[in-house]
C-alpha atoms as a PDB file:
ATOM      1  CA  MET A   1     112.796 135.007  52.755  1.00  0.00           C
ATOM      2  CA  ARG A   2     111.373 137.159  55.539  1.00  0.00           C
ATOM      3  CA  SER A   3     107.840 136.295  56.619  1.00  0.00           C
ATOM      4  CA  ARG A   4     104.990 138.795  56.433  1.00  0.00           C
ATOM      5  CA  GLY A   5     103.674 137.230  59.611  1.00  0.00           C
ATOM      6  CA  GLN A   6     106.904 138.038  61.439  1.00  0.00           C
ATOM      7  CA  ASP A   7     106.759 141.630  60.209  1.00  0.00           C
ATOM      8  CA  TRP A   8     103.152 141.891  61.368  1.00  0.00           C
ATOM      9  CA  LEU A   9     104.093 140.571  64.796  1.00  0.00           C
ATOM     10  CA  VAL A  10     106.958 143.052  65.162  1.00  0.00           C
ATOM     11  CA  ASP A  11     104.670 145.883  64.019  1.00  0.00           C
ATOM     12  CA  HIS A  12     102.392 145.105  66.970  1.00  0.00           C
ATOM     13  CA  LEU A  13     105.342 145.028  69.373  1.00  0.00           C
ATOM     14  CA  LYS A  14     106.395 148.453  68.095  1.00  0.00           C
ATOM     15  CA  ARG A  15     102.909 149.899  68.493  1.00  0.00           C
ATOM     16  CA  ASP A  16     102.744 148.538  72.040  1.00  0.00           C
ATOM     17  CA  GLY A  17     106.053 150.227  72.851  1.00  0.00           C
ATOM     18  CA  VAL A  18     107.883 146.955  73.530  1.00  0.00           C
ATOM     19  CA  VAL A  19     110.272 147.452  70.610  1.00  0.00           C
ATOM     20  CA  ALA A  20     111.796 150.917  70.826  1.00  0.00           C
ATOM     21  CA  HIS A  21     115.087 150.783  68.906  1.00  0.00           C
ATOM     22  CA  SER A  22     115.883 150.095  65.274  1.00  0.00           C
ATOM     23  CA  ASP A  23     118.607 147.513  65.937  1.00  0.00           C
ATOM     24  CA  VAL A  24     116.227 145.396  68.031  1.00  0.00           C
ATOM     25  CA  GLU A  25     113.477 145.815  65.464  1.00  0.00           C
ATOM     26  CA  ARG A  26     115.785 144.748  62.648  1.00  0.00           C
ATOM     27  CA  ALA A  27     116.961 141.630  64.500  1.00  0.00           C
ATOM     28  CA  LEU A  28     113.404 140.562  65.313  1.00  0.00           C
ATOM     29  CA  ARG A  29     112.185 141.108  61.765  1.00  0.00           C
ATOM     30  CA  GLN A  30     115.076 139.072  60.385  1.00  0.00           C
ATOM     31  CA  THR A  31     114.633 136.153  62.804  1.00  0.00           C
ATOM     32  CA  ASP A  32     111.501 134.281  61.760  1.00  0.00           C
ATOM     33  CA  ARG A  33     109.720 132.684  64.722  1.00  0.00           C
ATOM     34  CA  ALA A  34     108.264 129.999  62.440  1.00  0.00           C
ATOM     35  CA  HIS A  35     111.676 128.319  62.180  1.00  0.00           C
ATOM     36  CA  TYR A  36     111.952 127.935  65.952  1.00  0.00           C
ATOM     37  CA  VAL A  37     108.682 126.321  67.077  1.00  0.00           C
ATOM     38  CA  ASP A  38     107.254 122.822  66.835  1.00  0.00           C
ATOM     39  CA  SER A  39     106.909 121.960  63.144  1.00  0.00           C
ATOM     40  CA  GLY A  40     103.277 120.912  63.583  1.00  0.00           C
ATOM     41  CA  ILE A  41     102.080 124.382  64.626  1.00  0.00           C
ATOM     42  CA  PRO A  42     100.184 126.197  61.823  1.00  0.00           C
ATOM     43  CA  LEU A  43     101.735 129.468  60.664  1.00  0.00           C
ATOM     44  CA  ALA A  44      98.514 131.335  61.401  1.00  0.00           C
ATOM     45  CA  TYR A  45      98.776 130.322  65.045  1.00  0.00           C
ATOM     46  CA  ILE A  46     102.448 131.256  65.317  1.00  0.00           C
ATOM     47  CA  TYR A  47     101.749 134.853  64.343  1.00  0.00           C
ATOM     48  CA  GLN A  48      98.120 135.379  65.313  1.00  0.00           C
ATOM     49  CA  ALA A  49      95.659 134.047  67.858  1.00  0.00           C
ATOM     50  CA  GLY A  50      92.094 135.284  68.207  1.00  0.00           C
ATOM     51  CA  GLY A  51      91.034 137.698  65.504  1.00  0.00           C
ATOM     52  CA  LEU A  52      93.431 140.622  65.114  1.00  0.00           C
ATOM     53  CA  GLN A  53      95.479 139.997  68.257  1.00  0.00           C
ATOM     54  CA  PRO A  54      99.107 138.938  67.798  1.00  0.00           C
ATOM     55  CA  ALA A  55     100.134 135.500  69.058  1.00  0.00           C
ATOM     56  CA  ASP A  56     102.145 136.999  71.901  1.00  0.00           C
ATOM     57  CA  SER A  57     102.436 133.859  73.983  1.00  0.00           C
ATOM     58  CA  PRO A  58     104.830 130.950  74.552  1.00  0.00           C
ATOM     59  CA  LEU A  59     104.630 128.078  72.060  1.00  0.00           C
ATOM     60  CA  PRO A  60     105.841 124.459  72.178  1.00  0.00           C
ATOM     61  CA  ILE A  61     109.289 123.649  70.804  1.00  0.00           C
ATOM     62  CA  GLY A  62     109.362 119.990  71.773  1.00  0.00           C
ATOM     63  CA  TYR A  63     110.928 118.086  74.677  1.00  0.00           C
ATOM     64  CA  HIS A  64     108.366 119.612  77.084  1.00  0.00           C
ATOM     65  CA  GLU A  65     109.845 123.068  76.512  1.00  0.00           C
ATOM     66  CA  THR A  66     108.435 126.299  75.096  1.00  0.00           C
ATOM     67  CA  ILE A  67     109.730 129.330  73.243  1.00  0.00           C
ATOM     68  CA  SER A  68     109.178 132.561  75.181  1.00  0.00           C
ATOM     69  CA  ALA A  69     106.461 134.982  74.164  1.00  0.00           C
ATOM     70  CA  PRO A  70     107.596 137.529  71.542  1.00  0.00           C
ATOM     71  CA  HIS A  71     107.239 140.438  73.979  1.00  0.00           C
ATOM     72  CA  MET A  72     109.696 138.754  76.358  1.00  0.00           C
ATOM     73  CA  HIS A  73     112.246 138.220  73.596  1.00  0.00           C
ATOM     74  CA  ALA A  74     111.848 141.856  72.571  1.00  0.00           C
ATOM     75  CA  THR A  75     112.097 143.064  76.174  1.00  0.00           C
ATOM     76  CA  CYS A  76     115.312 141.135  76.779  1.00  0.00           C
ATOM     77  CA  LEU A  77     116.882 142.409  73.559  1.00  0.00           C
ATOM     78  CA  GLU A  78     115.970 145.974  74.499  1.00  0.00           C
ATOM     79  CA  LEU A  79     117.496 145.527  77.960  1.00  0.00           C
ATOM     80  CA  LEU A  80     120.710 144.069  76.528  1.00  0.00           C
ATOM     81  CA  ARG A  81     120.995 146.106  73.326  1.00  0.00           C
ATOM     82  CA  GLY A  82     123.701 148.429  74.657  1.00  0.00           C
ATOM     83  CA  HIS A  83     125.841 145.338  75.272  1.00  0.00           C
ATOM     84  CA  LEU A  84     125.012 143.573  71.995  1.00  0.00           C
ATOM     85  CA  ARG A  85     127.385 145.763  70.041  1.00  0.00           C
ATOM     86  CA  PRO A  86     129.322 144.482  67.018  1.00  0.00           C
ATOM     87  CA  GLY A  87     132.106 142.245  68.296  1.00  0.00           C
ATOM     88  CA  ALA A  88     130.492 141.519  71.676  1.00  0.00           C
ATOM     89  CA  ARG A  89     130.606 138.132  73.391  1.00  0.00           C
ATOM     90  CA  VAL A  90     127.201 136.860  74.515  1.00  0.00           C
ATOM     91  CA  LEU A  91     125.966 133.901  76.562  1.00  0.00           C
ATOM     92  CA  ASP A  92     122.404 132.601  76.147  1.00  0.00           C
ATOM     93  CA  VAL A  93     121.511 130.232  79.001  1.00  0.00           C
ATOM     94  CA  GLY A  94     118.632 127.892  78.252  1.00  0.00           C
ATOM     95  CA  SER A  95     118.876 128.683  74.556  1.00  0.00           C
ATOM     96  CA  GLY A  96     115.991 126.365  73.691  1.00  0.00           C
ATOM     97  CA  SER A  97     115.186 126.322  70.000  1.00  0.00           C
ATOM     98  CA  GLY A  98     117.843 128.950  69.214  1.00  0.00           C
ATOM     99  CA  TYR A  99     115.644 131.949  68.453  1.00  0.00           C
ATOM    100  CA  LEU A 100     117.180 134.521  70.762  1.00  0.00           C
ATOM    101  CA  ALA A 101     120.721 133.289  70.068  1.00  0.00           C
ATOM    102  CA  ALA A 102     120.117 133.894  66.365  1.00  0.00           C
ATOM    103  CA  ALA A 103     118.648 137.354  66.950  1.00  0.00           C
ATOM    104  CA  MET A 104     121.573 138.327  69.167  1.00  0.00           C
ATOM    105  CA  GLY A 105     123.965 136.902  66.590  1.00  0.00           C
ATOM    106  CA  LEU A 106     122.569 139.301  64.017  1.00  0.00           C
ATOM    107  CA  MET A 107     123.122 142.177  66.437  1.00  0.00           C
ATOM    108  CA  VAL A 108     126.750 141.385  67.343  1.00  0.00           C
ATOM    109  CA  GLY A 109     127.723 140.720  63.728  1.00  0.00           C
ATOM    110  CA  GLU A 110     130.554 138.706  62.208  1.00  0.00           C
ATOM    111  CA  ALA A 111     133.107 139.933  64.748  1.00  0.00           C
ATOM    112  CA  GLY A 112     130.891 138.872  67.653  1.00  0.00           C
ATOM    113  CA  LYS A 113     130.189 135.558  69.343  1.00  0.00           C
ATOM    114  CA  VAL A 114     126.996 134.114  70.833  1.00  0.00           C
ATOM    115  CA  ILE A 115     127.216 130.874  72.797  1.00  0.00           C
ATOM    116  CA  GLY A 116     123.910 129.189  73.550  1.00  0.00           C
ATOM    117  CA  ILE A 117     123.721 126.519  76.257  1.00  0.00           C
ATOM    118  CA  GLU A 118     120.735 124.140  76.287  1.00  0.00           C
ATOM    119  CA  LYS A 119     120.481 121.329  78.838  1.00  0.00           C
ATOM    120  CA  HIS A 120     118.419 119.023  76.604  1.00  0.00           C
ATOM    121  CA  PRO A 121     120.845 117.499  74.044  1.00  0.00           C
ATOM    122  CA  GLU A 122     118.073 116.729  71.551  1.00  0.00           C
ATOM    123  CA  LEU A 123     116.780 120.285  71.700  1.00  0.00           C
ATOM    124  CA  ALA A 124     120.303 121.669  71.355  1.00  0.00           C
ATOM    125  CA  ALA A 125     120.745 119.575  68.201  1.00  0.00           C
ATOM    126  CA  GLN A 126     117.387 120.748  66.874  1.00  0.00           C
ATOM    127  CA  SER A 127     118.289 124.368  67.565  1.00  0.00           C
ATOM    128  CA  VAL A 128     121.288 124.046  65.255  1.00  0.00           C
ATOM    129  CA  LYS A 129     118.949 122.856  62.499  1.00  0.00           C
ATOM    130  CA  ASN A 130     116.589 125.746  63.223  1.00  0.00           C
ATOM    131  CA  VAL A 131     119.282 128.397  62.943  1.00  0.00           C
ATOM    132  CA  ARG A 132     120.650 126.764  59.810  1.00  0.00           C
ATOM    133  CA  ALA A 133     117.208 126.940  58.206  1.00  0.00           C
ATOM    134  CA  ASP A 134     116.867 130.635  59.081  1.00  0.00           C
ATOM    135  CA  HIS A 135     120.401 132.090  59.089  1.00  0.00           C
ATOM    136  CA  PRO A 136     123.023 129.507  58.066  1.00  0.00           C
ATOM    137  CA  GLU A 137     125.677 132.215  57.850  1.00  0.00           C
ATOM    138  CA  LEU A 138     125.575 132.637  61.633  1.00  0.00           C
ATOM    139  CA  LEU A 139     126.755 129.048  62.041  1.00  0.00           C
ATOM    140  CA  ASP A 140     129.082 128.986  59.051  1.00  0.00           C
ATOM    141  CA  ASN A 141     130.875 132.150  60.210  1.00  0.00           C
ATOM    142  CA  GLY A 142     131.104 130.931  63.797  1.00  0.00           C
ATOM    143  CA  VAL A 143     129.027 133.798  65.152  1.00  0.00           C
ATOM    144  CA  VAL A 144     126.525 131.478  66.861  1.00  0.00           C
ATOM    145  CA  GLU A 145     127.554 128.298  68.647  1.00  0.00           C
ATOM    146  CA  LEU A 146     124.902 126.119  70.283  1.00  0.00           C
ATOM    147  CA  ARG A 147     125.962 123.548  72.861  1.00  0.00           C
ATOM    148  CA  ALA A 148     124.320 120.925  75.044  1.00  0.00           C
ATOM    149  CA  GLY A 149     125.133 121.325  78.719  1.00  0.00           C
ATOM    150  CA  ASN A 150     124.170 122.794  82.064  1.00  0.00           C
ATOM    151  CA  VAL A 151     125.621 126.108  83.238  1.00  0.00           C
ATOM    152  CA  LEU A 152     125.249 124.998  86.859  1.00  0.00           C
ATOM    153  CA  GLY A 153     127.550 122.087  86.040  1.00  0.00           C
ATOM    154  CA  ASP A 154     130.973 122.329  84.423  1.00  0.00           C
ATOM    155  CA  VAL A 155     130.032 123.435  80.903  1.00  0.00           C
ATOM    156  CA  LEU A 156     131.585 126.905  81.370  1.00  0.00           C
ATOM    157  CA  GLU A 157     134.850 125.772  82.957  1.00  0.00           C
ATOM    158  CA  GLY A 158     136.806 126.319  79.747  1.00  0.00           C
ATOM    159  CA  GLU A 159     135.448 129.835  79.174  1.00  0.00           C
ATOM    160  CA  GLN A 160     138.121 132.332  80.173  1.00  0.00           C
ATOM    161  CA  GLU A 161     137.131 135.424  78.194  1.00  0.00           C
ATOM    162  CA  GLY A 162     133.827 136.211  79.888  1.00  0.00           C
ATOM    163  CA  PHE A 163     130.776 137.791  78.300  1.00  0.00           C
ATOM    164  CA  ASP A 164     129.542 141.319  77.642  1.00  0.00           C
ATOM    165  CA  ALA A 165     125.913 140.209  77.796  1.00  0.00           C
ATOM    166  CA  ILE A 166     124.222 137.219  79.413  1.00  0.00           C
ATOM    167  CA  HIS A 167     120.598 136.222  78.917  1.00  0.00           C
ATOM    168  CA  VAL A 168     119.105 133.545  81.152  1.00  0.00           C
ATOM    169  CA  GLY A 169     115.885 131.920  79.970  1.00  0.00           C
ATOM    170  CA  ALA A 170     115.077 130.028  83.179  1.00  0.00           C
ATOM    171  CA  ALA A 171     114.462 131.152  86.751  1.00  0.00           C
ATOM    172  CA  ALA A 172     117.236 130.801  89.311  1.00  0.00           C
ATOM    173  CA  SER A 173     116.337 130.465  92.987  1.00  0.00           C
ATOM    174  CA  SER A 174     119.188 132.901  93.679  1.00  0.00           C
ATOM    175  CA  LEU A 175     121.721 134.706  91.526  1.00  0.00           C
ATOM    176  CA  PRO A 176     124.239 132.073  90.309  1.00  0.00           C
ATOM    177  CA  ASP A 177     127.830 133.003  91.189  1.00  0.00           C
ATOM    178  CA  VAL A 178     129.102 131.104  88.152  1.00  0.00           C
ATOM    179  CA  LEU A 179     127.248 133.506  85.851  1.00  0.00           C
ATOM    180  CA  VAL A 180     128.258 136.619  87.778  1.00  0.00           C
ATOM    181  CA  ARG A 181     131.891 135.545  87.407  1.00  0.00           C
ATOM    182  CA  GLN A 182     131.426 135.138  83.660  1.00  0.00           C
ATOM    183  CA  LEU A 183     130.106 138.690  83.299  1.00  0.00           C
ATOM    184  CA  ARG A 184     132.780 141.071  82.062  1.00  0.00           C
ATOM    185  CA  PRO A 185     133.314 144.462  83.736  1.00  0.00           C
ATOM    186  CA  GLY A 186     130.862 146.806  82.050  1.00  0.00           C
ATOM    187  CA  GLY A 187     128.625 143.874  81.149  1.00  0.00           C
ATOM    188  CA  ARG A 188     124.965 143.164  81.804  1.00  0.00           C
ATOM    189  CA  MET A 189     122.953 140.058  82.628  1.00  0.00           C
ATOM    190  CA  VAL A 190     119.183 139.665  82.432  1.00  0.00           C
ATOM    191  CA  ILE A 191     117.883 136.820  84.603  1.00  0.00           C
ATOM    192  CA  PRO A 192     114.622 135.812  86.321  1.00  0.00           C
ATOM    193  CA  VAL A 193     115.201 135.142  90.025  1.00  0.00           C
ATOM    194  CA  GLY A 194     112.780 133.687  92.541  1.00  0.00           C
ATOM    195  CA  PRO A 195     111.046 130.571  93.851  1.00  0.00           C
ATOM    196  CA  GLN A 196     109.988 127.723  91.609  1.00  0.00           C
ATOM    197  CA  TRP A 197     106.336 127.435  90.620  1.00  0.00           C
ATOM    198  CA  GLU A 198     105.613 131.023  91.628  1.00  0.00           C
ATOM    199  CA  TYR A 199     106.149 134.388  90.002  1.00  0.00           C
ATOM    200  CA  GLN A 200     109.763 135.515  89.873  1.00  0.00           C
ATOM    201  CA  VAL A 201     111.387 138.906  89.369  1.00  0.00           C
ATOM    202  CA  MET A 202     113.285 139.702  86.197  1.00  0.00           C
ATOM    203  CA  GLN A 203     116.543 141.251  87.334  1.00  0.00           C
ATOM    204  CA  CYS A 204     119.080 143.339  85.475  1.00  0.00           C
ATOM    205  CA  ILE A 205     122.598 142.676  86.763  1.00  0.00           C
ATOM    206  CA  ASP A 206     125.246 145.254  85.883  1.00  0.00           C
ATOM    207  CA  LYS A 207     128.962 144.886  86.627  1.00  0.00           C
ATOM    208  CA  ASP A 208     130.923 148.131  86.614  1.00  0.00           C
ATOM    209  CA  ALA A 209     134.529 148.649  85.520  1.00  0.00           C
ATOM    210  CA  ALA A 210     135.761 147.887  89.040  1.00  0.00           C
ATOM    211  CA  GLY A 211     133.848 144.610  89.155  1.00  0.00           C
ATOM    212  CA  ARG A 212     131.113 145.841  91.496  1.00  0.00           C
ATOM    213  CA  VAL A 213     127.700 144.302  90.867  1.00  0.00           C
ATOM    214  CA  LYS A 214     124.391 146.178  90.977  1.00  0.00           C
ATOM    215  CA  LYS A 215     120.964 144.536  90.800  1.00  0.00           C
ATOM    216  CA  HIS A 216     117.782 146.148  89.508  1.00  0.00           C
ATOM    217  CA  ASP A 217     114.348 144.544  89.812  1.00  0.00           C
ATOM    218  CA  LEU A 218     112.365 145.025  86.614  1.00  0.00           C
ATOM    219  CA  MET A 219     109.088 143.089  86.458  1.00  0.00           C
ATOM    220  CA  HIS A 220     107.302 139.988  87.628  1.00  0.00           C
ATOM    221  CA  VAL A 221     107.628 137.006  85.292  1.00  0.00           C
ATOM    222  CA  ARG A 222     107.078 133.279  85.346  1.00  0.00           C
ATOM    223  CA  TYR A 223     109.763 130.986  83.946  1.00  0.00           C
ATOM    224  CA  VAL A 224     110.607 127.315  84.283  1.00  0.00           C
ATOM    225  CA  PRO A 225     113.316 126.703  86.901  1.00  0.00           C
ATOM    226  CA  LEU A 226     117.038 126.760  86.194  1.00  0.00           C
ATOM    227  CA  THR A 227     117.995 123.297  87.405  1.00  0.00           C
ATOM    228  CA  LYS A 228     121.264 121.679  88.406  1.00  0.00           C
ATOM    229  CA  PRO A 229     122.556 118.564  86.609  1.00  0.00           C
ATOM    230  CA  GLY A 230     120.368 115.596  87.521  1.00  0.00           C
ATOM    231  CA  GLU A 231     117.631 117.791  89.001  1.00  0.00           C
ATOM    232  CA  SER A 232     114.162 117.662  87.432  1.00  0.00           C
ATOM    233  CA  GLU A 233     112.279 120.863  86.689  1.00  0.00           C
ATOM    234  CA  TRP A 234     109.006 118.950  87.047  1.00  0.00           C
ATOM    235  CA  GLU A 235     109.305 118.394  90.794  1.00  0.00           C
ATOM    236  CA  PRO A 236     107.709 121.352  92.627  1.00  0.00           C
END
């Protein structure tokens, strides 16, 4: 059952102009944030913080990780929406608790495929439980697949088809070639790029039909670092 709190949160994102299109709005309304945060967080805090202000901030999801603020999820969906068409193939890097993978799964539909990669095995396992509690059909129909692994390692070596849309939920020090190669011609990637422990720039990476890549700087953000296998994100 859809939560009134989730609807209220999306209403605020619409009024603020963050959510502009009906397909993004529908996916956000149907993906209840309460299923994807630490179970000990009260519902009132998930949706609202401080009087009538929406709880538009990151929240804990366990394993020293957080779920992105709702406005960032909405922004990324808006940026990628033209590539989240029914039947599209999507990669979610740093899929965390599974929220954005589920929302994108609703957008690409039964003919589509969303692969989420999370480097913490325990969190990857928990994300499967989260999606099953919210939208079990996405898992049962094979639309969403959540894996443990590191995209800067060898987890993508078996992927030959590429992706129409790639979302990266951690900041890379430079644009990773492995992800650019996985982007299909005509595809788009949204990724924060910049130094660790400072503000980064959210970049939109477009690959045209000839395979040429164009980069567009969008906004300043602050994300945890995208780390290589064996590298700790807690070492500035």
